[in-house]
Amino acid sequence: MENIKIATAQFEHQSGDKTYNLAMIDQLAGEAAAQGAQAVAFHECSVTGYSFARTLGKAQMLALAEYVPNGPSIQTLVAIATKHNIAILAGLFEKDAADNLYKAYVCVSKNGLLAKYHKLHPFINPHLTPGNSYCVFDLYGWKCGILICYDNNIVENVRATALLGADIIFMPHVTMCTPSTRPGAGFVNPALWLAKETDPTSLRIEFDGLKGREWLMKWLPARAYDNGIYAIFSNAIGMDGDQLKNGCSMVVDPFGDIVAECRKLGNEVVTATLTPQKLTDAGGYRYRKARRPDLYRDIIGQPHVADQKVVWL
């Protein structure tokens, strides 16, 4: 494998406004290409918007969702990828011919759809159907996987994707700044976002504290380190419906080190160079080889009833 340049982006999407969101993806994809990136990743539901969907009925969800790959948004993403000669990863709600609904994330290039993944643990809307398979695909000679938001909080999903061969795992999110049982969690006051030009300090304190980045740092580097993979974290920034999100889109290497991060209080894209040598130098590479599945295969695989309650809905 040769080195690859991957960009991660953050932007403030508009709920249900695909035209606006696709225009932002176009703009930031152009900026990523100018930085030399071969691929750029956006947050989950970056095409459609996210949290507003928690109040939608099934008919409204079906009107918002699209077919993949034949829907208009996928065709627009392919056109943007062709325009900038860059692969694009973005998210939207998908429907099929039987009116099943999914939280989808796709990778497209000038050659069309390269990969599609359905979120395994969707919860924003009761009409969403969980995905039932992992996704590993080739991108410029690298093996890549996709896990959407909550999927990454279940450590088995990251390990399974790595064991299937993924060197890079794209981790699109709309996360942080929401209530939880963990200490320090909670919403961030939207008034701080409106005052970010005159008082960026107060907003940064909230965004970087336990409501936001400090929580992220408790687990995201560990996913990359333990599995010896590159984690491409993409997150929304600004107002997501009635909730404020803090961005912090970043690239984490197999050592668990941040090699690029969006730090603006607004739309931004950053690019990192990924090198194959880090994959085998990292401890996670050795840890995977040292595994003894005979000890825990039956423990991990025992019957279990999933509980996907989310307290902030």
C-alpha atoms as a PDB file:
ATOM      1  CA  MET A   1       0.000   0.000   0.000  1.00  0.00           C
ATOM      2  CA  GLU A   2       1.039   3.566  -0.606  1.00  0.00           C
ATOM      3  CA  ASN A   3       0.375   6.570   1.618  1.00  0.00           C
ATOM      4  CA  ILE A   4      -3.143   7.961   1.335  1.00  0.00           C
ATOM      5  CA  LYS A   5      -4.458  11.434   2.181  1.00  0.00           C
ATOM      6  CA  ILE A   6      -7.838  11.482   3.930  1.00  0.00           C
ATOM      7  CA  ALA A   7      -9.833  14.556   4.947  1.00  0.00           C
ATOM      8  CA  THR A   8     -12.504  14.871   7.597  1.00  0.00           C
ATOM      9  CA  ALA A   9     -14.991  17.734   7.646  1.00  0.00           C
ATOM     10  CA  GLN A  10     -17.505  19.440   9.875  1.00  0.00           C
ATOM     11  CA  PHE A  11     -20.318  21.804   8.988  1.00  0.00           C
ATOM     12  CA  GLU A  12     -23.594  23.137  10.301  1.00  0.00           C
ATOM     13  CA  HIS A  13     -26.286  21.332   8.345  1.00  0.00           C
ATOM     14  CA  GLN A  14     -29.839  22.491   7.783  1.00  0.00           C
ATOM     15  CA  SER A  15     -32.596  20.086   8.831  1.00  0.00           C
ATOM     16  CA  GLY A  16     -34.291  18.571   5.785  1.00  0.00           C
ATOM     17  CA  ASP A  17     -32.567  20.969   3.343  1.00  0.00           C
ATOM     18  CA  LYS A  18     -30.710  18.609   1.035  1.00  0.00           C
ATOM     19  CA  THR A  19     -29.926  21.340  -1.492  1.00  0.00           C
ATOM     20  CA  TYR A  20     -28.119  23.430   1.119  1.00  0.00           C
ATOM     21  CA  ASN A  21     -26.323  20.465   2.676  1.00  0.00           C
ATOM     22  CA  LEU A  22     -25.130  19.142  -0.671  1.00  0.00           C
ATOM     23  CA  ALA A  23     -23.851  22.620  -1.542  1.00  0.00           C
ATOM     24  CA  MET A  24     -21.808  22.600   1.686  1.00  0.00           C
ATOM     25  CA  ILE A  25     -20.480  19.136   0.862  1.00  0.00           C
ATOM     26  CA  ASP A  26     -19.502  20.455  -2.581  1.00  0.00           C
ATOM     27  CA  GLN A  27     -17.678  23.433  -1.079  1.00  0.00           C
ATOM     28  CA  LEU A  28     -15.791  21.438   1.551  1.00  0.00           C
ATOM     29  CA  ALA A  29     -14.973  18.624  -0.888  1.00  0.00           C
ATOM     30  CA  GLY A  30     -13.357  21.259  -3.092  1.00  0.00           C
ATOM     31  CA  GLU A  31     -11.325  22.516  -0.130  1.00  0.00           C
ATOM     32  CA  ALA A  32     -10.268  18.960   0.727  1.00  0.00           C
ATOM     33  CA  ALA A  33      -9.181  18.327  -2.857  1.00  0.00           C
ATOM     34  CA  ALA A  34      -7.149  21.539  -2.778  1.00  0.00           C
ATOM     35  CA  GLN A  35      -5.389  20.159   0.319  1.00  0.00           C
ATOM     36  CA  GLY A  36      -4.456  17.055  -1.676  1.00  0.00           C
ATOM     37  CA  ALA A  37      -7.008  14.727  -0.084  1.00  0.00           C
ATOM     38  CA  GLN A  38      -8.054  11.637  -2.024  1.00  0.00           C
ATOM     39  CA  ALA A  39     -11.199  11.175   0.081  1.00  0.00           C
ATOM     40  CA  VAL A  40     -13.260  13.361   2.394  1.00  0.00           C
ATOM     41  CA  ALA A  41     -15.643  12.165   5.106  1.00  0.00           C
ATOM     42  CA  PHE A  42     -18.733  13.992   6.423  1.00  0.00           C
ATOM     43  CA  HIS A  43     -20.958  13.323   9.447  1.00  0.00           C
ATOM     44  CA  GLU A  44     -23.923  10.978   9.660  1.00  0.00           C
ATOM     45  CA  CYS A  45     -27.032  12.254   7.889  1.00  0.00           C
ATOM     46  CA  SER A  46     -24.935  15.106   6.501  1.00  0.00           C
ATOM     47  CA  VAL A  47     -27.224  15.171   3.439  1.00  0.00           C
ATOM     48  CA  THR A  48     -30.560  15.208   5.273  1.00  0.00           C
ATOM     49  CA  GLY A  49     -29.951  16.539   8.772  1.00  0.00           C
ATOM     50  CA  TYR A  50     -30.383  14.394  11.845  1.00  0.00           C
ATOM     51  CA  SER A  51     -32.038  15.149  15.185  1.00  0.00           C
ATOM     52  CA  PHE A  52     -35.187  16.701  13.701  1.00  0.00           C
ATOM     53  CA  ALA A  53     -36.063  13.202  12.446  1.00  0.00           C
ATOM     54  CA  ARG A  54     -36.951  12.075  15.983  1.00  0.00           C
ATOM     55  CA  THR A  55     -40.363  13.734  15.581  1.00  0.00           C
ATOM     56  CA  LEU A  56     -41.178  12.447  12.084  1.00  0.00           C
ATOM     57  CA  GLY A  57     -43.820   9.822  11.312  1.00  0.00           C
ATOM     58  CA  LYS A  58     -43.204   7.052   8.825  1.00  0.00           C
ATOM     59  CA  ALA A  59     -44.808   8.899   5.906  1.00  0.00           C
ATOM     60  CA  GLN A  60     -42.577  11.895   6.600  1.00  0.00           C
ATOM     61  CA  MET A  61     -39.520   9.672   6.866  1.00  0.00           C
ATOM     62  CA  LEU A  62     -40.330   7.998   3.559  1.00  0.00           C
ATOM     63  CA  ALA A  63     -40.667  11.418   1.932  1.00  0.00           C
ATOM     64  CA  LEU A  64     -37.259  12.427   3.315  1.00  0.00           C
ATOM     65  CA  ALA A  65     -35.470   9.155   2.545  1.00  0.00           C
ATOM     66  CA  GLU A  66     -34.103   8.179  -0.857  1.00  0.00           C
ATOM     67  CA  TYR A  67     -33.216   5.091  -2.823  1.00  0.00           C
ATOM     68  CA  VAL A  68     -29.543   4.162  -3.003  1.00  0.00           C
ATOM     69  CA  PRO A  69     -27.858   4.393  -5.460  1.00  0.00           C
ATOM     70  CA  ASN A  70     -30.559   5.717  -7.783  1.00  0.00           C
ATOM     71  CA  GLY A  71     -31.832   8.611  -5.683  1.00  0.00           C
ATOM     72  CA  PRO A  72     -31.013  12.220  -6.601  1.00  0.00           C
ATOM     73  CA  SER A  73     -28.703  12.886  -3.643  1.00  0.00           C
ATOM     74  CA  ILE A  74     -26.413   9.975  -4.497  1.00  0.00           C
ATOM     75  CA  GLN A  75     -26.277  11.150  -8.090  1.00  0.00           C
ATOM     76  CA  THR A  76     -25.360  14.644  -6.869  1.00  0.00           C
ATOM     77  CA  LEU A  77     -22.646  13.229  -4.616  1.00  0.00           C
ATOM     78  CA  VAL A  78     -21.186  11.328  -7.572  1.00  0.00           C
ATOM     79  CA  ALA A  79     -21.217  14.544  -9.603  1.00  0.00           C
ATOM     80  CA  ILE A  80     -19.411  16.393  -6.793  1.00  0.00           C
ATOM     81  CA  ALA A  81     -16.857  13.577  -6.512  1.00  0.00           C
ATOM     82  CA  THR A  82     -16.287  13.743 -10.265  1.00  0.00           C
ATOM     83  CA  LYS A  83     -15.978  17.544 -10.218  1.00  0.00           C
ATOM     84  CA  HIS A  84     -13.263  17.513  -7.545  1.00  0.00           C
ATOM     85  CA  ASN A  85     -11.746  14.099  -8.386  1.00  0.00           C
ATOM     86  CA  ILE A  86     -12.155  12.956  -4.783  1.00  0.00           C
ATOM     87  CA  ALA A  87     -14.013  10.146  -3.033  1.00  0.00           C
ATOM     88  CA  ILE A  88     -16.831  11.371  -0.784  1.00  0.00           C
ATOM     89  CA  LEU A  89     -18.353   9.713   2.265  1.00  0.00           C
ATOM     90  CA  ALA A  90     -21.685  11.095   3.467  1.00  0.00           C
ATOM     91  CA  GLY A  91     -24.870  10.012   5.209  1.00  0.00           C
ATOM     92  CA  LEU A  92     -28.617  10.092   4.588  1.00  0.00           C
ATOM     93  CA  PHE A  93     -31.832   8.227   5.312  1.00  0.00           C
ATOM     94  CA  GLU A  94     -32.456   5.421   2.816  1.00  0.00           C
ATOM     95  CA  LYS A  95     -35.646   3.620   1.813  1.00  0.00           C
ATOM     96  CA  ASP A  96     -36.088   0.453  -0.210  1.00  0.00           C
ATOM     97  CA  ALA A  97     -38.842  -0.862  -2.471  1.00  0.00           C
ATOM     98  CA  ALA A  98     -40.636  -2.388   0.526  1.00  0.00           C
ATOM     99  CA  ASP A  99     -40.638   0.962   2.398  1.00  0.00           C
ATOM    100  CA  ASN A 100     -38.060  -0.162   4.919  1.00  0.00           C
ATOM    101  CA  LEU A 101     -36.056   2.758   6.304  1.00  0.00           C
ATOM    102  CA  TYR A 102     -32.342   2.781   7.148  1.00  0.00           C
ATOM    103  CA  LYS A 103     -29.685   5.130   8.421  1.00  0.00           C
ATOM    104  CA  ALA A 104     -27.226   4.858   5.531  1.00  0.00           C
ATOM    105  CA  TYR A 105     -23.654   6.025   4.931  1.00  0.00           C
ATOM    106  CA  VAL A 106     -22.108   5.802   1.486  1.00  0.00           C
ATOM    107  CA  CYS A 107     -18.777   6.160  -0.250  1.00  0.00           C
ATOM    108  CA  VAL A 108     -18.885   7.418  -3.833  1.00  0.00           C
ATOM    109  CA  SER A 109     -16.333   8.413  -6.441  1.00  0.00           C
ATOM    110  CA  LYS A 110     -16.414   9.412 -10.070  1.00  0.00           C
ATOM    111  CA  ASN A 111     -17.003   5.711 -10.736  1.00  0.00           C
ATOM    112  CA  GLY A 112     -20.253   5.717  -8.753  1.00  0.00           C
ATOM    113  CA  LEU A 113     -21.198   3.994  -5.501  1.00  0.00           C
ATOM    114  CA  LEU A 114     -18.240   2.219  -3.889  1.00  0.00           C
ATOM    115  CA  ALA A 115     -19.799   1.190  -0.571  1.00  0.00           C
ATOM    116  CA  LYS A 116     -23.005   1.430   1.462  1.00  0.00           C
ATOM    117  CA  TYR A 117     -23.502   0.717   5.141  1.00  0.00           C
ATOM    118  CA  HIS A 118     -26.592   0.628   7.378  1.00  0.00           C
ATOM    119  CA  LYS A 119     -26.288   1.735  11.000  1.00  0.00           C
ATOM    120  CA  LEU A 120     -26.456  -1.287  13.292  1.00  0.00           C
ATOM    121  CA  HIS A 121     -27.855   0.615  16.284  1.00  0.00           C
ATOM    122  CA  PRO A 122     -30.242   3.321  15.010  1.00  0.00           C
ATOM    123  CA  PHE A 123     -32.449   5.087  17.541  1.00  0.00           C
ATOM    124  CA  ILE A 124     -33.301   8.590  16.323  1.00  0.00           C
ATOM    125  CA  ASN A 125     -36.590   7.414  14.803  1.00  0.00           C
ATOM    126  CA  PRO A 126     -38.637   4.298  15.669  1.00  0.00           C
ATOM    127  CA  HIS A 127     -39.296   3.488  12.003  1.00  0.00           C
ATOM    128  CA  LEU A 128     -35.623   2.828  11.208  1.00  0.00           C
ATOM    129  CA  THR A 129     -34.534  -0.748  10.542  1.00  0.00           C
ATOM    130  CA  PRO A 130     -31.162  -1.791  12.034  1.00  0.00           C
ATOM    131  CA  GLY A 131     -28.448  -2.938   9.668  1.00  0.00           C
ATOM    132  CA  ASN A 132     -27.335  -6.553   9.968  1.00  0.00           C
ATOM    133  CA  SER A 133     -23.850  -6.682   8.473  1.00  0.00           C
ATOM    134  CA  TYR A 134     -20.441  -5.050   8.568  1.00  0.00           C
ATOM    135  CA  CYS A 135     -18.935  -3.220   5.629  1.00  0.00           C
ATOM    136  CA  VAL A 136     -15.340  -3.467   4.401  1.00  0.00           C
ATOM    137  CA  PHE A 137     -14.348  -2.097   1.008  1.00  0.00           C
ATOM    138  CA  ASP A 138     -11.311  -1.090  -1.013  1.00  0.00           C
ATOM    139  CA  LEU A 139     -10.317   2.567  -1.393  1.00  0.00           C
ATOM    140  CA  TYR A 140      -7.118   3.361  -3.276  1.00  0.00           C
ATOM    141  CA  GLY A 141      -5.584   0.059  -2.162  1.00  0.00           C
ATOM    142  CA  TRP A 142      -6.583   0.450   1.496  1.00  0.00           C
ATOM    143  CA  LYS A 143      -9.225  -1.657   3.234  1.00  0.00           C
ATOM    144  CA  CYS A 144     -11.840   0.584   4.832  1.00  0.00           C
ATOM    145  CA  GLY A 145     -14.780   0.034   7.149  1.00  0.00           C
ATOM    146  CA  ILE A 146     -17.726   2.158   8.273  1.00  0.00           C
ATOM    147  CA  LEU A 147     -19.412   2.334  11.692  1.00  0.00           C
ATOM    148  CA  ILE A 148     -21.992   5.046  12.382  1.00  0.00           C
ATOM    149  CA  CYS A 149     -22.015   6.925  15.703  1.00  0.00           C
ATOM    150  CA  TYR A 150     -23.458   4.616  18.408  1.00  0.00           C
ATOM    151  CA  ASP A 151     -22.060   1.581  16.553  1.00  0.00           C
ATOM    152  CA  ASN A 152     -18.600   2.705  17.699  1.00  0.00           C
ATOM    153  CA  ASN A 153     -19.596   2.678  21.372  1.00  0.00           C
ATOM    154  CA  ILE A 154     -19.997  -1.102  21.193  1.00  0.00           C
ATOM    155  CA  VAL A 155     -16.386  -2.218  21.174  1.00  0.00           C
ATOM    156  CA  GLU A 156     -17.155  -5.527  19.441  1.00  0.00           C
ATOM    157  CA  ASN A 157     -18.216  -3.662  16.296  1.00  0.00           C
ATOM    158  CA  VAL A 158     -14.861  -1.940  15.951  1.00  0.00           C
ATOM    159  CA  ARG A 159     -12.931  -5.139  16.649  1.00  0.00           C
ATOM    160  CA  ALA A 160     -15.053  -7.134  14.193  1.00  0.00           C
ATOM    161  CA  THR A 161     -14.546  -4.548  11.450  1.00  0.00           C
ATOM    162  CA  ALA A 162     -10.801  -4.567  12.078  1.00  0.00           C
ATOM    163  CA  LEU A 163     -10.712  -8.376  12.030  1.00  0.00           C
ATOM    164  CA  LEU A 164     -12.486  -8.283   8.671  1.00  0.00           C
ATOM    165  CA  GLY A 165      -9.444  -6.431   7.361  1.00  0.00           C
ATOM    166  CA  ALA A 166     -10.202  -2.735   7.782  1.00  0.00           C
ATOM    167  CA  ASP A 167      -7.115  -0.522   8.109  1.00  0.00           C
ATOM    168  CA  ILE A 168      -9.238   2.636   8.185  1.00  0.00           C
ATOM    169  CA  ILE A 169     -12.619   2.918   9.900  1.00  0.00           C
ATOM    170  CA  PHE A 170     -14.795   5.882   9.011  1.00  0.00           C
ATOM    171  CA  MET A 171     -16.778   6.927  12.082  1.00  0.00           C
ATOM    172  CA  PRO A 172     -19.442   9.508  11.128  1.00  0.00           C
ATOM    173  CA  HIS A 173     -21.309  11.003  14.087  1.00  0.00           C
ATOM    174  CA  VAL A 174     -23.768  13.587  15.282  1.00  0.00           C
ATOM    175  CA  THR A 175     -22.762  13.470  18.917  1.00  0.00           C
ATOM    176  CA  MET A 176     -21.677  15.147  22.149  1.00  0.00           C
ATOM    177  CA  CYS A 177     -23.357  17.972  24.066  1.00  0.00           C
ATOM    178  CA  THR A 178     -26.310  15.814  25.137  1.00  0.00           C
ATOM    179  CA  PRO A 179     -27.549  14.634  28.555  1.00  0.00           C
ATOM    180  CA  SER A 180     -26.307  11.329  29.912  1.00  0.00           C
ATOM    181  CA  THR A 181     -25.817   9.501  33.194  1.00  0.00           C
ATOM    182  CA  ARG A 182     -22.074  10.130  32.937  1.00  0.00           C
ATOM    183  CA  PRO A 183     -20.694  12.997  35.068  1.00  0.00           C
ATOM    184  CA  GLY A 184     -20.419  16.327  33.300  1.00  0.00           C
ATOM    185  CA  ALA A 185     -22.730  15.553  30.390  1.00  0.00           C
ATOM    186  CA  GLY A 186     -25.474  17.848  29.168  1.00  0.00           C
ATOM    187  CA  PHE A 187     -26.746  20.210  26.485  1.00  0.00           C
ATOM    188  CA  VAL A 188     -24.804  23.345  25.555  1.00  0.00           C
ATOM    189  CA  ASN A 189     -26.830  26.561  25.545  1.00  0.00           C
ATOM    190  CA  PRO A 190     -27.536  27.604  21.909  1.00  0.00           C
ATOM    191  CA  ALA A 191     -27.104  31.240  22.977  1.00  0.00           C
ATOM    192  CA  LEU A 192     -23.367  30.570  23.192  1.00  0.00           C
ATOM    193  CA  TRP A 193     -23.336  29.599  19.511  1.00  0.00           C
ATOM    194  CA  LEU A 194     -25.061  32.827  18.561  1.00  0.00           C
ATOM    195  CA  ALA A 195     -22.422  34.772  20.522  1.00  0.00           C
ATOM    196  CA  LYS A 196     -19.401  32.842  19.231  1.00  0.00           C
ATOM    197  CA  GLU A 197     -17.924  35.847  17.397  1.00  0.00           C
ATOM    198  CA  THR A 198     -17.935  38.071  20.478  1.00  0.00           C
ATOM    199  CA  ASP A 199     -17.391  35.424  23.165  1.00  0.00           C
ATOM    200  CA  PRO A 200     -15.655  32.352  21.700  1.00  0.00           C
ATOM    201  CA  THR A 201     -14.086  31.473  25.059  1.00  0.00           C
ATOM    202  CA  SER A 202     -17.323  30.531  26.812  1.00  0.00           C
ATOM    203  CA  LEU A 203     -18.353  28.338  23.883  1.00  0.00           C
ATOM    204  CA  ARG A 204     -14.933  26.683  23.656  1.00  0.00           C
ATOM    205  CA  ILE A 205     -15.002  25.844  27.365  1.00  0.00           C
ATOM    206  CA  GLU A 206     -18.301  23.995  26.878  1.00  0.00           C
ATOM    207  CA  PHE A 207     -17.248  22.335  23.620  1.00  0.00           C
ATOM    208  CA  ASP A 208     -13.907  21.130  24.980  1.00  0.00           C
ATOM    209  CA  GLY A 209     -15.099  20.069  28.440  1.00  0.00           C
ATOM    210  CA  LEU A 210     -16.877  16.942  29.649  1.00  0.00           C
ATOM    211  CA  LYS A 211     -19.961  17.776  27.587  1.00  0.00           C
ATOM    212  CA  GLY A 212     -17.847  17.454  24.465  1.00  0.00           C
ATOM    213  CA  ARG A 213     -14.221  16.778  23.573  1.00  0.00           C
ATOM    214  CA  GLU A 214     -13.092  15.498  26.997  1.00  0.00           C
ATOM    215  CA  TRP A 215     -15.707  12.750  26.727  1.00  0.00           C
ATOM    216  CA  LEU A 216     -14.605  11.932  23.178  1.00  0.00           C
ATOM    217  CA  MET A 217     -11.020  11.547  24.344  1.00  0.00           C
ATOM    218  CA  LYS A 218     -12.100   8.909  26.861  1.00  0.00           C
ATOM    219  CA  TRP A 219     -12.883   6.399  24.120  1.00  0.00           C
ATOM    220  CA  LEU A 220     -12.057   7.414  20.526  1.00  0.00           C
ATOM    221  CA  PRO A 221      -8.240   7.107  20.762  1.00  0.00           C
ATOM    222  CA  ALA A 222      -8.728   3.766  22.536  1.00  0.00           C
ATOM    223  CA  ARG A 223     -10.715   2.359  19.598  1.00  0.00           C
ATOM    224  CA  ALA A 224      -7.874   3.218  17.235  1.00  0.00           C
ATOM    225  CA  TYR A 225      -5.108   2.102  19.611  1.00  0.00           C
ATOM    226  CA  ASP A 226      -6.604  -1.223  20.708  1.00  0.00           C
ATOM    227  CA  ASN A 227      -7.368  -2.275  17.134  1.00  0.00           C
ATOM    228  CA  GLY A 228      -4.364  -0.752  15.369  1.00  0.00           C
ATOM    229  CA  ILE A 229      -6.488   1.170  12.862  1.00  0.00           C
ATOM    230  CA  TYR A 230      -6.919   4.717  11.614  1.00  0.00           C
ATOM    231  CA  ALA A 231     -10.161   6.263  12.908  1.00  0.00           C
ATOM    232  CA  ILE A 232     -11.716   8.985  10.757  1.00  0.00           C
ATOM    233  CA  PHE A 233     -14.111  10.789  13.091  1.00  0.00           C
ATOM    234  CA  SER A 234     -16.563  13.222  11.469  1.00  0.00           C
ATOM    235  CA  ASN A 235     -19.121  15.220  13.444  1.00  0.00           C
ATOM    236  CA  ALA A 236     -21.581  18.030  12.887  1.00  0.00           C
ATOM    237  CA  ILE A 237     -20.975  21.486  14.347  1.00  0.00           C
ATOM    238  CA  GLY A 238     -23.516  24.167  15.203  1.00  0.00           C
ATOM    239  CA  MET A 239     -27.272  23.768  15.505  1.00  0.00           C
ATOM    240  CA  ASP A 240     -28.715  20.357  14.698  1.00  0.00           C
ATOM    241  CA  GLY A 241     -32.411  21.083  14.971  1.00  0.00           C
ATOM    242  CA  ASP A 242     -32.801  22.360  18.534  1.00  0.00           C
ATOM    243  CA  GLN A 243     -29.484  20.893  19.741  1.00  0.00           C
ATOM    244  CA  LEU A 244     -25.962  22.292  19.543  1.00  0.00           C
ATOM    245  CA  LYS A 245     -23.076  20.088  18.384  1.00  0.00           C
ATOM    246  CA  ASN A 246     -19.373  20.759  18.799  1.00  0.00           C
ATOM    247  CA  GLY A 247     -17.593  19.300  15.753  1.00  0.00           C
ATOM    248  CA  CYS A 248     -14.045  18.223  16.706  1.00  0.00           C
ATOM    249  CA  SER A 249     -13.815  16.163  13.503  1.00  0.00           C
ATOM    250  CA  MET A 250     -10.429  14.456  13.574  1.00  0.00           C
ATOM    251  CA  VAL A 251      -8.137  11.735  12.294  1.00  0.00           C
ATOM    252  CA  VAL A 252      -6.667   9.400  14.922  1.00  0.00           C
ATOM    253  CA  ASP A 253      -3.770   7.124  13.994  1.00  0.00           C
ATOM    254  CA  PRO A 254      -3.128   3.508  15.129  1.00  0.00           C
ATOM    255  CA  PHE A 255      -1.106   4.795  18.094  1.00  0.00           C
ATOM    256  CA  GLY A 256      -4.163   6.687  19.332  1.00  0.00           C
ATOM    257  CA  ASP A 257      -2.603  10.033  18.420  1.00  0.00           C
ATOM    258  CA  ILE A 258      -4.585  12.842  16.798  1.00  0.00           C
ATOM    259  CA  VAL A 259      -2.894  13.698  13.499  1.00  0.00           C
ATOM    260  CA  ALA A 260      -5.449  16.253  12.240  1.00  0.00           C
ATOM    261  CA  GLU A 261      -8.408  17.997  13.874  1.00  0.00           C
ATOM    262  CA  CYS A 262     -10.970  20.660  13.012  1.00  0.00           C
ATOM    263  CA  ARG A 263     -10.697  23.357  15.663  1.00  0.00           C
ATOM    264  CA  LYS A 264     -12.698  26.205  14.150  1.00  0.00           C
ATOM    265  CA  LEU A 265     -16.006  27.184  15.701  1.00  0.00           C
ATOM    266  CA  GLY A 266     -17.591  26.658  12.312  1.00  0.00           C
ATOM    267  CA  ASN A 267     -17.309  24.823   9.021  1.00  0.00           C
ATOM    268  CA  GLU A 268     -13.882  23.301   8.364  1.00  0.00           C
ATOM    269  CA  VAL A 269     -12.017  20.480   6.655  1.00  0.00           C
ATOM    270  CA  VAL A 270      -8.593  19.063   7.572  1.00  0.00           C
ATOM    271  CA  THR A 271      -6.407  16.478   5.849  1.00  0.00           C
ATOM    272  CA  ALA A 272      -3.980  13.882   7.202  1.00  0.00           C
ATOM    273  CA  THR A 273      -1.494  11.548   5.527  1.00  0.00           C
ATOM    274  CA  LEU A 274      -2.011   7.905   6.472  1.00  0.00           C
ATOM    275  CA  THR A 275       1.025   5.625   6.247  1.00  0.00           C
ATOM    276  CA  PRO A 276       0.939   1.811   6.065  1.00  0.00           C
ATOM    277  CA  GLN A 277       3.897   1.384   8.417  1.00  0.00           C
ATOM    278  CA  LYS A 278       1.948   2.693  11.394  1.00  0.00           C
ATOM    279  CA  LEU A 279      -0.524  -0.167  10.958  1.00  0.00           C
ATOM    280  CA  THR A 280       2.102  -2.804  11.745  1.00  0.00           C
ATOM    281  CA  ASP A 281       4.198  -0.733  14.174  1.00  0.00           C
ATOM    282  CA  ALA A 282       1.213  -0.065  16.429  1.00  0.00           C
ATOM    283  CA  GLY A 283       0.487  -2.163  19.491  1.00  0.00           C
ATOM    284  CA  GLY A 284      -2.980  -3.057  18.240  1.00  0.00           C
ATOM    285  CA  TYR A 285      -1.440  -5.053  15.410  1.00  0.00           C
ATOM    286  CA  ARG A 286       0.406  -7.233  17.925  1.00  0.00           C
ATOM    287  CA  TYR A 287      -2.592  -7.477  20.238  1.00  0.00           C
ATOM    288  CA  ARG A 288      -4.796  -8.863  17.472  1.00  0.00           C
ATOM    289  CA  LYS A 289      -2.179 -11.487  16.658  1.00  0.00           C
ATOM    290  CA  ALA A 290      -1.924 -12.474  20.332  1.00  0.00           C
ATOM    291  CA  ARG A 291      -5.650 -13.153  20.732  1.00  0.00           C
ATOM    292  CA  ARG A 292      -6.863 -16.526  22.025  1.00  0.00           C
ATOM    293  CA  PRO A 293     -10.473 -16.767  20.803  1.00  0.00           C
ATOM    294  CA  ASP A 294     -10.878 -20.236  22.323  1.00  0.00           C
ATOM    295  CA  LEU A 295     -10.968 -18.565  25.746  1.00  0.00           C
ATOM    296  CA  TYR A 296     -13.837 -16.161  25.064  1.00  0.00           C
ATOM    297  CA  ARG A 297     -15.611 -17.217  21.874  1.00  0.00           C
ATOM    298  CA  ASP A 298     -18.557 -18.679  23.777  1.00  0.00           C
ATOM    299  CA  ILE A 299     -18.621 -15.820  26.288  1.00  0.00           C
ATOM    300  CA  ILE A 300     -18.834 -13.099  23.645  1.00  0.00           C
ATOM    301  CA  GLY A 301     -21.265 -15.122  21.528  1.00  0.00           C
ATOM    302  CA  GLN A 302     -23.738 -16.065  24.244  1.00  0.00           C
ATOM    303  CA  PRO A 303     -27.395 -15.039  23.767  1.00  0.00           C
ATOM    304  CA  HIS A 304     -28.132 -11.444  24.657  1.00  0.00           C
ATOM    305  CA  VAL A 305     -31.124  -9.103  24.395  1.00  0.00           C
ATOM    306  CA  ALA A 306     -30.005  -5.689  23.137  1.00  0.00           C
ATOM    307  CA  ASP A 307     -31.104  -2.567  25.029  1.00  0.00           C
ATOM    308  CA  GLN A 308     -30.817   0.556  22.886  1.00  0.00           C
ATOM    309  CA  LYS A 309     -32.524   3.111  25.123  1.00  0.00           C
ATOM    310  CA  VAL A 310     -31.110   6.619  24.685  1.00  0.00           C
ATOM    311  CA  VAL A 311     -31.842   9.008  27.526  1.00  0.00           C
ATOM    312  CA  TRP A 312     -31.786  12.331  25.669  1.00  0.00           C
ATOM    313  CA  LEU A 313     -34.619  11.623  23.220  1.00  0.00           C
END
